[in-house]
Amino acid sequence: MFNRIRRLVVFCWDFVFNHEVSPLRHIPDVAIRHYILQALGLMWAVAFGVAVGSYTFLAVSVIGHVVLFAAAAITVTTWTAATAKPDLFVRGSIQKKTEGP
């Protein structure tokens, strides 16, 4: 079992990184093969870097948007409560003045 998985990993590695096994073997000039392999490697490094950065900032962006939506919801709830029940916001000092002699 372990030997079969090992052979699969080695085959996949060689298929991608070994210029004599990969489809790049059909390019006759070894220098061009190497150049193309380097260009593909750079492309994949940039692609993964952008993806990971995007996922990282996505979490921050989602948290920021949740905070903004929560602030908007609290504002609307406060305005609605102030319209429907203004006495809810009155503390004891005003109530004591109206109840006095």
PDB file of N, CA and C in Angstrom:
ATOM      1  N   MET A   1       0.833  -1.200   0.000  1.00  0.00           N
ATOM      2  CA  MET A   1       0.000   0.000   0.000  1.00  0.00           C
ATOM      3  C   MET A   1       0.876   1.262   0.000  1.00  0.00           C
ATOM      4  N   PHE A   2       1.810   1.341   0.959  1.00  0.00           N
ATOM      5  CA  PHE A   2       2.676   2.511   1.072  1.00  0.00           C
ATOM      6  C   PHE A   2       3.560   2.651  -0.163  1.00  0.00           C
ATOM      7  N   ASN A   3       4.032   1.522  -0.692  1.00  0.00           N
ATOM      8  CA  ASN A   3       4.909   1.546  -1.858  1.00  0.00           C
ATOM      9  C   ASN A   3       4.159   2.063  -3.090  1.00  0.00           C
ATOM     10  N   ARG A   4       2.886   1.707  -3.219  1.00  0.00           N
ATOM     11  CA  ARG A   4       2.088   2.169  -4.354  1.00  0.00           C
ATOM     12  C   ARG A   4       1.855   3.678  -4.274  1.00  0.00           C
ATOM     13  N   ILE A   5       1.568   4.176  -3.080  1.00  0.00           N
ATOM     14  CA  ILE A   5       1.376   5.619  -2.897  1.00  0.00           C
ATOM     15  C   ILE A   5       2.685   6.358  -3.174  1.00  0.00           C
ATOM     16  N   ARG A   6       3.795   5.782  -2.710  1.00  0.00           N
ATOM     17  CA  ARG A   6       5.107   6.391  -2.962  1.00  0.00           C
ATOM     18  C   ARG A   6       5.386   6.485  -4.457  1.00  0.00           C
ATOM     19  N   ARG A   7       5.108   5.420  -5.197  1.00  0.00           N
ATOM     20  CA  ARG A   7       5.333   5.446  -6.645  1.00  0.00           C
ATOM     21  C   ARG A   7       4.440   6.480  -7.331  1.00  0.00           C
ATOM     22  N   LEU A   8       3.209   6.617  -6.861  1.00  0.00           N
ATOM     23  CA  LEU A   8       2.298   7.614  -7.429  1.00  0.00           C
ATOM     24  C   LEU A   8       2.824   9.032  -7.198  1.00  0.00           C
ATOM     25  N   VAL A   9       3.297   9.300  -5.982  1.00  0.00           N
ATOM     26  CA  VAL A   9       3.839  10.620  -5.671  1.00  0.00           C
ATOM     27  C   VAL A   9       5.078  10.906  -6.513  1.00  0.00           C
ATOM     28  N   VAL A  10       5.958   9.933  -6.634  1.00  0.00           N
ATOM     29  CA  VAL A  10       7.172  10.116  -7.439  1.00  0.00           C
ATOM     30  C   VAL A  10       6.807  10.340  -8.903  1.00  0.00           C
ATOM     31  N   PHE A  11       5.843   9.583  -9.422  1.00  0.00           N
ATOM     32  CA  PHE A  11       5.426   9.763 -10.806  1.00  0.00           C
ATOM     33  C   PHE A  11       4.855  11.165 -11.028  1.00  0.00           C
ATOM     34  N   CYS A  12       3.987  11.618 -10.120  1.00  0.00           N
ATOM     35  CA  CYS A  12       3.404  12.964 -10.257  1.00  0.00           C
ATOM     36  C   CYS A  12       4.492  14.033 -10.183  1.00  0.00           C
ATOM     37  N   TRP A  13       5.428  13.866  -9.255  1.00  0.00           N
ATOM     38  CA  TRP A  13       6.523  14.819  -9.124  1.00  0.00           C
ATOM     39  C   TRP A  13       7.346  14.875 -10.413  1.00  0.00           C
ATOM     40  N   ASP A  14       7.705  13.706 -10.931  1.00  0.00           N
ATOM     41  CA  ASP A  14       8.490  13.662 -12.169  1.00  0.00           C
ATOM     42  C   ASP A  14       7.708  14.230 -13.341  1.00  0.00           C
ATOM     43  N   PHE A  15       6.420  13.951 -13.393  1.00  0.00           N
ATOM     44  CA  PHE A  15       5.616  14.439 -14.506  1.00  0.00           C
ATOM     45  C   PHE A  15       5.603  15.970 -14.553  1.00  0.00           C
ATOM     46  N   VAL A  16       5.629  16.583 -13.378  1.00  0.00           N
ATOM     47  CA  VAL A  16       5.588  18.045 -13.331  1.00  0.00           C
ATOM     48  C   VAL A  16       6.989  18.647 -13.431  1.00  0.00           C
ATOM     49  N   PHE A  17       7.956  18.096 -12.708  1.00  0.00           N
ATOM     50  CA  PHE A  17       9.249  18.768 -12.550  1.00  0.00           C
ATOM     51  C   PHE A  17      10.405  18.168 -13.349  1.00  0.00           C
ATOM     52  N   ASN A  18      10.261  17.009 -13.928  1.00  0.00           N
ATOM     53  CA  ASN A  18      11.350  16.404 -14.682  1.00  0.00           C
ATOM     54  C   ASN A  18      11.119  16.657 -16.168  1.00  0.00           C
ATOM     55  N   HIS A  19      12.007  17.408 -16.780  1.00  0.00           N
ATOM     56  CA  HIS A  19      11.804  17.801 -18.181  1.00  0.00           C
ATOM     57  C   HIS A  19      11.930  16.621 -19.143  1.00  0.00           C
ATOM     58  N   GLU A  20      12.466  15.498 -18.671  1.00  0.00           N
ATOM     59  CA  GLU A  20      12.564  14.322 -19.541  1.00  0.00           C
ATOM     60  C   GLU A  20      11.317  13.443 -19.463  1.00  0.00           C
ATOM     61  N   VAL A  21      10.444  13.695 -18.489  1.00  0.00           N
ATOM     62  CA  VAL A  21       9.220  12.911 -18.319  1.00  0.00           C
ATOM     63  C   VAL A  21       7.986  13.728 -18.700  1.00  0.00           C
ATOM     64  N   SER A  22       8.008  15.014 -18.408  1.00  0.00           N
ATOM     65  CA  SER A  22       6.842  15.869 -18.650  1.00  0.00           C
ATOM     66  C   SER A  22       6.621  16.094 -20.145  1.00  0.00           C
ATOM     67  N   PRO A  23       5.484  16.652 -20.516  1.00  0.00           N
ATOM     68  CA  PRO A  23       5.239  16.960 -21.922  1.00  0.00           C
ATOM     69  C   PRO A  23       6.245  17.946 -22.517  1.00  0.00           C
ATOM     70  N   LEU A  24       7.024  18.609 -21.674  1.00  0.00           N
ATOM     71  CA  LEU A  24       8.065  19.508 -22.194  1.00  0.00           C
ATOM     72  C   LEU A  24       9.181  18.740 -22.888  1.00  0.00           C
ATOM     73  N   ARG A  25       9.219  17.430 -22.723  1.00  0.00           N
ATOM     74  CA  ARG A  25      10.274  16.618 -23.344  1.00  0.00           C
ATOM     75  C   ARG A  25      10.252  16.707 -24.865  1.00  0.00           C
ATOM     76  N   HIS A  26       9.117  17.142 -25.424  1.00  0.00           N
ATOM     77  CA  HIS A  26       8.989  17.247 -26.875  1.00  0.00           C
ATOM     78  C   HIS A  26       9.674  18.493 -27.436  1.00  0.00           C
ATOM     79  N   ILE A  27      10.056  19.436 -26.579  1.00  0.00           N
ATOM     80  CA  ILE A  27      10.793  20.621 -27.030  1.00  0.00           C
ATOM     81  C   ILE A  27      12.259  20.214 -27.163  1.00  0.00           C
ATOM     82  N   PRO A  28      12.837  20.374 -28.350  1.00  0.00           N
ATOM     83  CA  PRO A  28      14.191  19.845 -28.562  1.00  0.00           C
ATOM     84  C   PRO A  28      15.290  20.577 -27.794  1.00  0.00           C
ATOM     85  N   ASP A  29      15.179  21.872 -27.563  1.00  0.00           N
ATOM     86  CA  ASP A  29      16.232  22.638 -26.889  1.00  0.00           C
ATOM     87  C   ASP A  29      16.043  22.565 -25.372  1.00  0.00           C
ATOM     88  N   VAL A  30      17.059  22.040 -24.657  1.00  0.00           N
ATOM     89  CA  VAL A  30      16.971  21.873 -23.201  1.00  0.00           C
ATOM     90  C   VAL A  30      16.886  23.227 -22.501  1.00  0.00           C
ATOM     91  N   ALA A  31      17.561  24.244 -23.021  1.00  0.00           N
ATOM     92  CA  ALA A  31      17.520  25.575 -22.404  1.00  0.00           C
ATOM     93  C   ALA A  31      16.109  26.160 -22.468  1.00  0.00           C
ATOM     94  N   ILE A  32      15.428  25.954 -23.582  1.00  0.00           N
ATOM     95  CA  ILE A  32      14.051  26.448 -23.710  1.00  0.00           C
ATOM     96  C   ILE A  32      13.130  25.672 -22.772  1.00  0.00           C
ATOM     97  N   ARG A  33      13.349  24.364 -22.660  1.00  0.00           N
ATOM     98  CA  ARG A  33      12.562  23.557 -21.700  1.00  0.00           C
ATOM     99  C   ARG A  33      12.709  24.139 -20.298  1.00  0.00           C
ATOM    100  N   HIS A  34      13.958  24.415 -19.913  1.00  0.00           N
ATOM    101  CA  HIS A  34      14.210  24.953 -18.582  1.00  0.00           C
ATOM    102  C   HIS A  34      13.543  26.319 -18.404  1.00  0.00           C
ATOM    103  N   TYR A  35      13.657  27.169 -19.406  1.00  0.00           N
ATOM    104  CA  TYR A  35      13.040  28.493 -19.341  1.00  0.00           C
ATOM    105  C   TYR A  35      11.525  28.377 -19.163  1.00  0.00           C
ATOM    106  N   ILE A  36      10.906  27.506 -19.937  1.00  0.00           N
ATOM    107  CA  ILE A  36       9.451  27.352 -19.846  1.00  0.00           C
ATOM    108  C   ILE A  36       9.057  26.774 -18.491  1.00  0.00           C
ATOM    109  N   LEU A  37       9.826  25.821 -17.984  1.00  0.00           N
ATOM    110  CA  LEU A  37       9.538  25.266 -16.660  1.00  0.00           C
ATOM    111  C   LEU A  37       9.656  26.350 -15.587  1.00  0.00           C
ATOM    112  N   GLN A  38      10.672  27.209 -15.685  1.00  0.00           N
ATOM    113  CA  GLN A  38      10.822  28.312 -14.733  1.00  0.00           C
ATOM    114  C   GLN A  38       9.661  29.299 -14.833  1.00  0.00           C
ATOM    115  N   ALA A  39       9.249  29.614 -16.060  1.00  0.00           N
ATOM    116  CA  ALA A  39       8.125  30.543 -16.250  1.00  0.00           C
ATOM    117  C   ALA A  39       6.838  29.961 -15.676  1.00  0.00           C
ATOM    118  N   LEU A  40       6.616  28.664 -15.900  1.00  0.00           N
ATOM    119  CA  LEU A  40       5.426  28.027 -15.324  1.00  0.00           C
ATOM    120  C   LEU A  40       5.493  28.009 -13.798  1.00  0.00           C
ATOM    121  N   GLY A  41       6.684  27.751 -13.247  1.00  0.00           N
ATOM    122  CA  GLY A  41       6.848  27.766 -11.793  1.00  0.00           C
ATOM    123  C   GLY A  41       6.559  29.139 -11.200  1.00  0.00           C
ATOM    124  N   LEU A  42       7.054  30.186 -11.859  1.00  0.00           N
ATOM    125  CA  LEU A  42       6.776  31.547 -11.396  1.00  0.00           C
ATOM    126  C   LEU A  42       5.282  31.856 -11.477  1.00  0.00           C
ATOM    127  N   MET A  43       4.663  31.445 -12.580  1.00  0.00           N
ATOM    128  CA  MET A  43       3.230  31.680 -12.739  1.00  0.00           C
ATOM    129  C   MET A  43       2.437  31.023 -11.604  1.00  0.00           C
ATOM    130  N   TRP A  44       2.773  29.761 -11.271  1.00  0.00           N
ATOM    131  CA  TRP A  44       2.048  29.065 -10.207  1.00  0.00           C
ATOM    132  C   TRP A  44       2.334  29.670  -8.834  1.00  0.00           C
ATOM    133  N   ALA A  45       3.543  30.119  -8.604  1.00  0.00           N
ATOM    134  CA  ALA A  45       3.859  30.757  -7.327  1.00  0.00           C
ATOM    135  C   ALA A  45       3.053  32.037  -7.145  1.00  0.00           C
ATOM    136  N   VAL A  46       2.970  32.838  -8.201  1.00  0.00           N
ATOM    137  CA  VAL A  46       2.179  34.072  -8.137  1.00  0.00           C
ATOM    138  C   VAL A  46       0.696  33.745  -7.965  1.00  0.00           C
ATOM    139  N   ALA A  47       0.215  32.737  -8.691  1.00  0.00           N
ATOM    140  CA  ALA A  47      -1.200  32.368  -8.595  1.00  0.00           C
ATOM    141  C   ALA A  47      -1.561  31.926  -7.179  1.00  0.00           C
ATOM    142  N   PHE A  48      -0.725  31.080  -6.571  1.00  0.00           N
ATOM    143  CA  PHE A  48      -1.001  30.649  -5.200  1.00  0.00           C
ATOM    144  C   PHE A  48      -0.861  31.800  -4.214  1.00  0.00           C
ATOM    145  N   GLY A  49       0.111  32.672  -4.436  1.00  0.00           N
ATOM    146  CA  GLY A  49       0.260  33.831  -3.560  1.00  0.00           C
ATOM    147  C   GLY A  49      -0.945  34.744  -3.597  1.00  0.00           C
ATOM    148  N   VAL A  50      -1.449  34.999  -4.795  1.00  0.00           N
ATOM    149  CA  VAL A  50      -2.646  35.839  -4.933  1.00  0.00           C
ATOM    150  C   VAL A  50      -3.850  35.156  -4.299  1.00  0.00           C
ATOM    151  N   ALA A  51      -3.986  33.845  -4.503  1.00  0.00           N
ATOM    152  CA  ALA A  51      -5.119  33.120  -3.932  1.00  0.00           C
ATOM    153  C   ALA A  51      -5.087  33.157  -2.407  1.00  0.00           C
ATOM    154  N   VAL A  52      -3.944  32.863  -1.814  1.00  0.00           N
ATOM    155  CA  VAL A  52      -3.837  32.863  -0.355  1.00  0.00           C
ATOM    156  C   VAL A  52      -4.058  34.268   0.194  1.00  0.00           C
ATOM    157  N   GLY A  53      -3.492  35.275  -0.462  1.00  0.00           N
ATOM    158  CA  GLY A  53      -3.727  36.652  -0.031  1.00  0.00           C
ATOM    159  C   GLY A  53      -5.183  37.039  -0.142  1.00  0.00           C
ATOM    160  N   SER A  54      -5.823  36.595  -1.201  1.00  0.00           N
ATOM    161  CA  SER A  54      -7.238  36.895  -1.382  1.00  0.00           C
ATOM    162  C   SER A  54      -8.068  36.242  -0.282  1.00  0.00           C
ATOM    163  N   TYR A  55      -7.751  34.984   0.041  1.00  0.00           N
ATOM    164  CA  TYR A  55      -8.507  34.300   1.099  1.00  0.00           C
ATOM    165  C   TYR A  55      -8.281  34.972   2.441  1.00  0.00           C
ATOM    166  N   THR A  56      -7.057  35.426   2.693  1.00  0.00           N
ATOM    167  CA  THR A  56      -6.750  36.080   3.960  1.00  0.00           C
ATOM    168  C   THR A  56      -7.510  37.397   4.086  1.00  0.00           C
ATOM    169  N   PHE A  57      -7.464  38.212   3.049  1.00  0.00           N
ATOM    170  CA  PHE A  57      -8.149  39.498   3.110  1.00  0.00           C
ATOM    171  C   PHE A  57      -9.654  39.347   2.994  1.00  0.00           C
ATOM    172  N   LEU A  58     -10.110  38.223   2.436  1.00  0.00           N
ATOM    173  CA  LEU A  58     -11.545  37.972   2.376  1.00  0.00           C
ATOM    174  C   LEU A  58     -12.107  37.863   3.786  1.00  0.00           C
ATOM    175  N   ALA A  59     -11.387  37.164   4.670  1.00  0.00           N
ATOM    176  CA  ALA A  59     -11.855  37.025   6.052  1.00  0.00           C
ATOM    177  C   ALA A  59     -11.942  38.389   6.725  1.00  0.00           C
ATOM    178  N   VAL A  60     -10.932  39.224   6.529  1.00  0.00           N
ATOM    179  CA  VAL A  60     -10.942  40.564   7.123  1.00  0.00           C
ATOM    180  C   VAL A  60     -12.081  41.383   6.528  1.00  0.00           C
ATOM    181  N   SER A  61     -12.287  41.266   5.235  1.00  0.00           N
ATOM    182  CA  SER A  61     -13.357  42.000   4.569  1.00  0.00           C
ATOM    183  C   SER A  61     -14.733  41.558   5.071  1.00  0.00           C
ATOM    184  N   VAL A  62     -14.903  40.257   5.246  1.00  0.00           N
ATOM    185  CA  VAL A  62     -16.184  39.738   5.746  1.00  0.00           C
ATOM    186  C   VAL A  62     -16.441  40.263   7.155  1.00  0.00           C
ATOM    187  N   ILE A  63     -15.432  40.241   8.007  1.00  0.00           N
ATOM    188  CA  ILE A  63     -15.605  40.748   9.379  1.00  0.00           C
ATOM    189  C   ILE A  63     -15.935  42.236   9.351  1.00  0.00           C
ATOM    190  N   GLY A  64     -15.265  42.999   8.506  1.00  0.00           N
ATOM    191  CA  GLY A  64     -15.558  44.426   8.390  1.00  0.00           C
ATOM    192  C   GLY A  64     -16.979  44.685   7.924  1.00  0.00           C
ATOM    193  N   HIS A  65     -17.439  43.914   6.956  1.00  0.00           N
ATOM    194  CA  HIS A  65     -18.809  44.093   6.473  1.00  0.00           C
ATOM    195  C   HIS A  65     -19.837  43.691   7.535  1.00  0.00           C
ATOM    196  N   VAL A  66     -19.557  42.656   8.290  1.00  0.00           N
ATOM    197  CA  VAL A  66     -20.469  42.255   9.370  1.00  0.00           C
ATOM    198  C   VAL A  66     -20.581  43.376  10.407  1.00  0.00           C
ATOM    199  N   VAL A  67     -19.459  43.993  10.733  1.00  0.00           N
ATOM    200  CA  VAL A  67     -19.482  45.105  11.691  1.00  0.00           C
ATOM    201  C   VAL A  67     -20.297  46.273  11.136  1.00  0.00           C
ATOM    202  N   LEU A  68     -20.122  46.595   9.854  1.00  0.00           N
ATOM    203  CA  LEU A  68     -20.898  47.687   9.256  1.00  0.00           C
ATOM    204  C   LEU A  68     -22.399  47.377   9.234  1.00  0.00           C
ATOM    205  N   PHE A  69     -22.751  46.153   8.865  1.00  0.00           N
ATOM    206  CA  PHE A  69     -24.169  45.779   8.850  1.00  0.00           C
ATOM    207  C   PHE A  69     -24.762  45.785  10.258  1.00  0.00           C
ATOM    208  N   ALA A  70     -23.974  45.335  11.241  1.00  0.00           N
ATOM    209  CA  ALA A  70     -24.448  45.358  12.625  1.00  0.00           C
ATOM    210  C   ALA A  70     -24.670  46.794  13.100  1.00  0.00           C
ATOM    211  N   ALA A  71     -23.760  47.695  12.744  1.00  0.00           N
ATOM    212  CA  ALA A  71     -23.931  49.103  13.120  1.00  0.00           C
ATOM    213  C   ALA A  71     -25.187  49.686  12.476  1.00  0.00           C
ATOM    214  N   ALA A  72     -25.428  49.356  11.214  1.00  0.00           N
ATOM    215  CA  ALA A  72     -26.638  49.845  10.538  1.00  0.00           C
ATOM    216  C   ALA A  72     -27.884  49.272  11.201  1.00  0.00           C
ATOM    217  N   ALA A  73     -27.858  47.996  11.554  1.00  0.00           N
ATOM    218  CA  ALA A  73     -29.024  47.375  12.201  1.00  0.00           C
ATOM    219  C   ALA A  73     -29.284  47.993  13.570  1.00  0.00           C
ATOM    220  N   ILE A  74     -28.239  48.255  14.335  1.00  0.00           N
ATOM    221  CA  ILE A  74     -28.416  48.875  15.657  1.00  0.00           C
ATOM    222  C   ILE A  74     -28.965  50.287  15.502  1.00  0.00           C
ATOM    223  N   THR A  75     -28.495  51.025  14.493  1.00  0.00           N
ATOM    224  CA  THR A  75     -29.007  52.378  14.255  1.00  0.00           C
ATOM    225  C   THR A  75     -30.484  52.356  13.906  1.00  0.00           C
ATOM    226  N   VAL A  76     -30.886  51.477  13.003  1.00  0.00           N
ATOM    227  CA  VAL A  76     -32.303  51.391  12.612  1.00  0.00           C
ATOM    228  C   VAL A  76     -33.152  50.968  13.800  1.00  0.00           C
ATOM    229  N   THR A  77     -32.661  50.015  14.591  1.00  0.00           N
ATOM    230  CA  THR A  77     -33.409  49.577  15.779  1.00  0.00           C
ATOM    231  C   THR A  77     -33.551  50.719  16.776  1.00  0.00           C
ATOM    232  N   THR A  78     -32.502  51.506  16.975  1.00  0.00           N
ATOM    233  CA  THR A  78     -32.568  52.645  17.901  1.00  0.00           C
ATOM    234  C   THR A  78     -33.560  53.684  17.413  1.00  0.00           C
ATOM    235  N   TRP A  79     -33.535  54.019  16.117  1.00  0.00           N
ATOM    236  CA  TRP A  79     -34.476  54.998  15.566  1.00  0.00           C
ATOM    237  C   TRP A  79     -35.920  54.496  15.681  1.00  0.00           C
ATOM    238  N   THR A  80     -36.125  53.221  15.422  1.00  0.00           N
ATOM    239  CA  THR A  80     -37.481  52.663  15.514  1.00  0.00           C
ATOM    240  C   THR A  80     -37.971  52.707  16.960  1.00  0.00           C
ATOM    241  N   ALA A  81     -37.103  52.329  17.893  1.00  0.00           N
ATOM    242  CA  ALA A  81     -37.497  52.360  19.303  1.00  0.00           C
ATOM    243  C   ALA A  81     -37.735  53.792  19.769  1.00  0.00           C
ATOM    244  N   ALA A  82     -36.940  54.750  19.293  1.00  0.00           N
ATOM    245  CA  ALA A  82     -37.127  56.150  19.694  1.00  0.00           C
ATOM    246  C   ALA A  82     -38.445  56.689  19.163  1.00  0.00           C
ATOM    247  N   THR A  83     -38.859  56.211  17.991  1.00  0.00           N
ATOM    248  CA  THR A  83     -40.139  56.654  17.433  1.00  0.00           C
ATOM    249  C   THR A  83     -41.308  56.003  18.162  1.00  0.00           C
ATOM    250  N   ALA A  84     -41.216  54.709  18.410  1.00  0.00           N
ATOM    251  CA  ALA A  84     -42.341  53.976  19.006  1.00  0.00           C
ATOM    252  C   ALA A  84     -42.422  54.158  20.512  1.00  0.00           C
ATOM    253  N   LYS A  85     -41.305  54.113  21.217  1.00  0.00           N
ATOM    254  CA  LYS A  85     -41.307  54.201  22.677  1.00  0.00           C
ATOM    255  C   LYS A  85     -40.216  55.164  23.136  1.00  0.00           C
ATOM    256  N   PRO A  86     -40.418  56.458  23.044  1.00  0.00           N
ATOM    257  CA  PRO A  86     -39.376  57.407  23.452  1.00  0.00           C
ATOM    258  C   PRO A  86     -39.071  57.343  24.944  1.00  0.00           C
ATOM    259  N   ASP A  87     -40.027  56.880  25.755  1.00  0.00           N
ATOM    260  CA  ASP A  87     -39.795  56.795  27.203  1.00  0.00           C
ATOM    261  C   ASP A  87     -38.747  55.733  27.554  1.00  0.00           C
ATOM    262  N   LEU A  88     -38.461  54.857  26.632  1.00  0.00           N
ATOM    263  CA  LEU A  88     -37.464  53.818  26.859  1.00  0.00           C
ATOM    264  C   LEU A  88     -36.082  54.424  27.103  1.00  0.00           C
ATOM    265  N   PHE A  89     -35.837  55.600  26.527  1.00  0.00           N
ATOM    266  CA  PHE A  89     -34.529  56.233  26.633  1.00  0.00           C
ATOM    267  C   PHE A  89     -34.462  57.255  27.764  1.00  0.00           C
ATOM    268  N   VAL A  90     -35.535  57.472  28.456  1.00  0.00           N
ATOM    269  CA  VAL A  90     -35.569  58.452  29.541  1.00  0.00           C
ATOM    270  C   VAL A  90     -35.077  57.797  30.819  1.00  0.00           C
ATOM    271  N   ARG A  91     -34.101  58.396  31.413  1.00  0.00           N
ATOM    272  CA  ARG A  91     -33.558  57.878  32.671  1.00  0.00           C
ATOM    273  C   ARG A  91     -34.314  58.485  33.843  1.00  0.00           C
ATOM    274  N   GLY A  92     -33.972  58.118  35.046  1.00  0.00           N
ATOM    275  CA  GLY A  92     -34.665  58.531  36.263  1.00  0.00           C
ATOM    276  C   GLY A  92     -34.698  60.030  36.504  1.00  0.00           C
ATOM    277  N   SER A  93     -33.720  60.801  36.015  1.00  0.00           N
ATOM    278  CA  SER A  93     -33.668  62.224  36.327  1.00  0.00           C
ATOM    279  C   SER A  93     -34.852  62.973  35.724  1.00  0.00           C
ATOM    280  N   ILE A  94     -35.235  62.643  34.500  1.00  0.00           N
ATOM    281  CA  ILE A  94     -36.364  63.326  33.874  1.00  0.00           C
ATOM    282  C   ILE A  94     -37.670  62.827  34.469  1.00  0.00           C
ATOM    283  N   GLN A  95     -37.755  61.555  34.766  1.00  0.00           N
ATOM    284  CA  GLN A  95     -38.982  61.014  35.343  1.00  0.00           C
ATOM    285  C   GLN A  95     -39.230  61.589  36.730  1.00  0.00           C
ATOM    286  N   LYS A  96     -38.198  61.841  37.507  1.00  0.00           N
ATOM    287  CA  LYS A  96     -38.364  62.415  38.826  1.00  0.00           C
ATOM    288  C   LYS A  96     -38.833  63.846  38.737  1.00  0.00           C
ATOM    289  N   LYS A  97     -38.371  64.603  37.758  1.00  0.00           N
ATOM    290  CA  LYS A  97     -38.792  65.996  37.612  1.00  0.00           C
ATOM    291  C   LYS A  97     -40.272  66.077  37.248  1.00  0.00           C
ATOM    292  N   THR A  98     -40.768  65.175  36.414  1.00  0.00           N
ATOM    293  CA  THR A  98     -42.174  65.223  36.019  1.00  0.00           C
ATOM    294  C   THR A  98     -43.061  64.701  37.136  1.00  0.00           C
ATOM    295  N   GLU A  99     -42.556  63.844  38.004  1.00  0.00           N
ATOM    296  CA  GLU A  99     -43.374  63.285  39.091  1.00  0.00           C
ATOM    297  C   GLU A  99     -43.385  64.192  40.316  1.00  0.00           C
ATOM    298  N   GLY A 100     -42.518  65.200  40.397  1.00  0.00           N
ATOM    299  CA  GLY A 100     -42.372  66.041  41.579  1.00  0.00           C
ATOM    300  C   GLY A 100     -43.590  66.919  41.848  1.00  0.00           C
ATOM    301  N   PRO A 101     -43.505  67.764  42.976  1.00  0.00           N
ATOM    302  CA  PRO A 101     -44.648  68.575  43.458  1.00  0.00           C
ATOM    303  C   PRO A 101     -45.065  69.606  42.529  1.00  0.00           C
TER     304      PRO A 101
END
